[in-house]
């Protein structure tokens, strides 16, 4: 499977999970402090996109083949 495809799919799944967590946290904040609910949501919404990328790179890196001087190239037949 294409490593870029795995990375993007992993990023989308991780982002969706983190966005749900951010929504729940902002909803709980809004229950206690209604004036801070929207600000919390926006801060978490934007930061989860930033946070999801390194997590997705680390997770998908476990599935990527290692490339080195002695590694066969794709399509080389060896």
Protein backbone atom coordinates (compact mmCIF):
# COMPACT_ATOMS: atom_id res chain seq x y z
CA UNK A 1 0.00 0.00 0.00
CA UNK A 2 1.18 3.51 -0.76
CA UNK A 3 2.75 5.09 2.37
CA UNK A 4 1.28 8.51 1.52
CA UNK A 5 -2.20 7.00 1.40
CA UNK A 6 -1.67 5.33 4.77
CA UNK A 7 -0.44 8.62 6.23
CA UNK A 8 -3.41 10.65 4.98
CA UNK A 9 -5.93 8.00 6.06
CA UNK A 10 -4.31 7.84 9.50
CA UNK A 11 -4.36 11.64 9.74
CA UNK A 12 -8.08 11.78 8.91
CA UNK A 13 -8.96 9.14 11.51
CA UNK A 14 -6.78 10.71 14.22
CA UNK A 15 -8.18 14.17 13.43
CA UNK A 16 -11.77 12.92 13.69
CA UNK A 17 -11.09 11.30 17.06
CA UNK A 18 -9.32 14.37 18.42
CA UNK A 19 -12.07 16.68 17.14
CA UNK A 20 -14.64 14.60 18.99
CA UNK A 21 -12.56 14.84 22.18
CA UNK A 22 -12.27 18.60 21.68
CA UNK A 23 -16.02 18.89 21.18
CA UNK A 24 -16.73 17.00 24.40
CA UNK A 25 -14.24 19.11 26.36
CA UNK A 26 -15.67 22.37 25.02
CA UNK A 27 -19.20 21.16 25.74
CA UNK A 28 -18.23 20.41 29.35
CA UNK A 29 -16.58 23.83 29.67
CA UNK A 30 -19.72 25.47 28.30
CA UNK A 31 -21.83 23.74 30.93
CA UNK A 32 -19.73 25.28 33.70
CA UNK A 33 -18.62 28.57 32.07
CA UNK A 34 -20.98 29.45 29.19
CA UNK A 35 -18.94 32.47 28.10
CA UNK A 36 -15.80 30.37 27.52
CA UNK A 37 -17.47 27.57 25.56
CA UNK A 38 -16.98 29.03 22.08
CA UNK A 39 -13.41 30.18 22.73
CA UNK A 40 -12.53 26.74 24.07
CA UNK A 41 -14.10 25.06 21.07
CA UNK A 42 -12.26 27.24 18.56
CA UNK A 43 -8.92 26.83 20.31
CA UNK A 44 -9.29 23.05 20.52
CA UNK A 45 -10.69 22.79 16.98
CA UNK A 46 -7.66 24.47 15.43
CA UNK A 47 -5.07 22.90 17.69
CA UNK A 48 -6.31 19.37 17.02
CA UNK A 49 -5.39 19.69 13.33
CA UNK A 50 -1.87 20.66 14.38
CA UNK A 51 -1.63 17.90 16.98
CA UNK A 52 -2.98 15.15 14.72
CA UNK A 53 -0.17 15.43 12.17
CA UNK A 54 2.79 14.29 14.32
CA UNK A 55 0.65 11.53 15.80
CA UNK A 56 -0.32 10.31 12.32
CA UNK A 57 3.30 10.45 11.12
CA UNK A 58 4.46 8.40 14.09
CA UNK A 59 1.66 5.81 13.71
CA UNK A 60 1.97 5.45 9.93
CA UNK A 61 5.77 5.34 10.17
CA UNK A 62 5.49 1.92 11.76
CA UNK A 63 3.92 0.60 8.54
CA UNK A 64 6.29 2.32 6.10
CA UNK A 65 9.08 0.21 4.63
CA UNK A 66 12.60 1.23 5.57
CA UNK A 67 14.63 2.76 2.79
CA UNK A 68 18.38 2.56 2.96
CA UNK A 69 21.45 1.95 0.81
CA UNK A 70 20.92 -1.82 0.70
CA UNK A 71 17.13 -1.81 0.46
CA UNK A 72 15.62 -2.91 -2.86
CA UNK A 73 13.79 -0.23 -4.79
CA UNK A 74 10.13 -0.71 -5.66
CA UNK A 75 9.80 -2.20 -9.12
CA UNK A 76 13.45 -3.27 -9.35
CA UNK A 77 12.52 -6.94 -9.19
CA UNK A 78 14.95 -7.81 -6.40
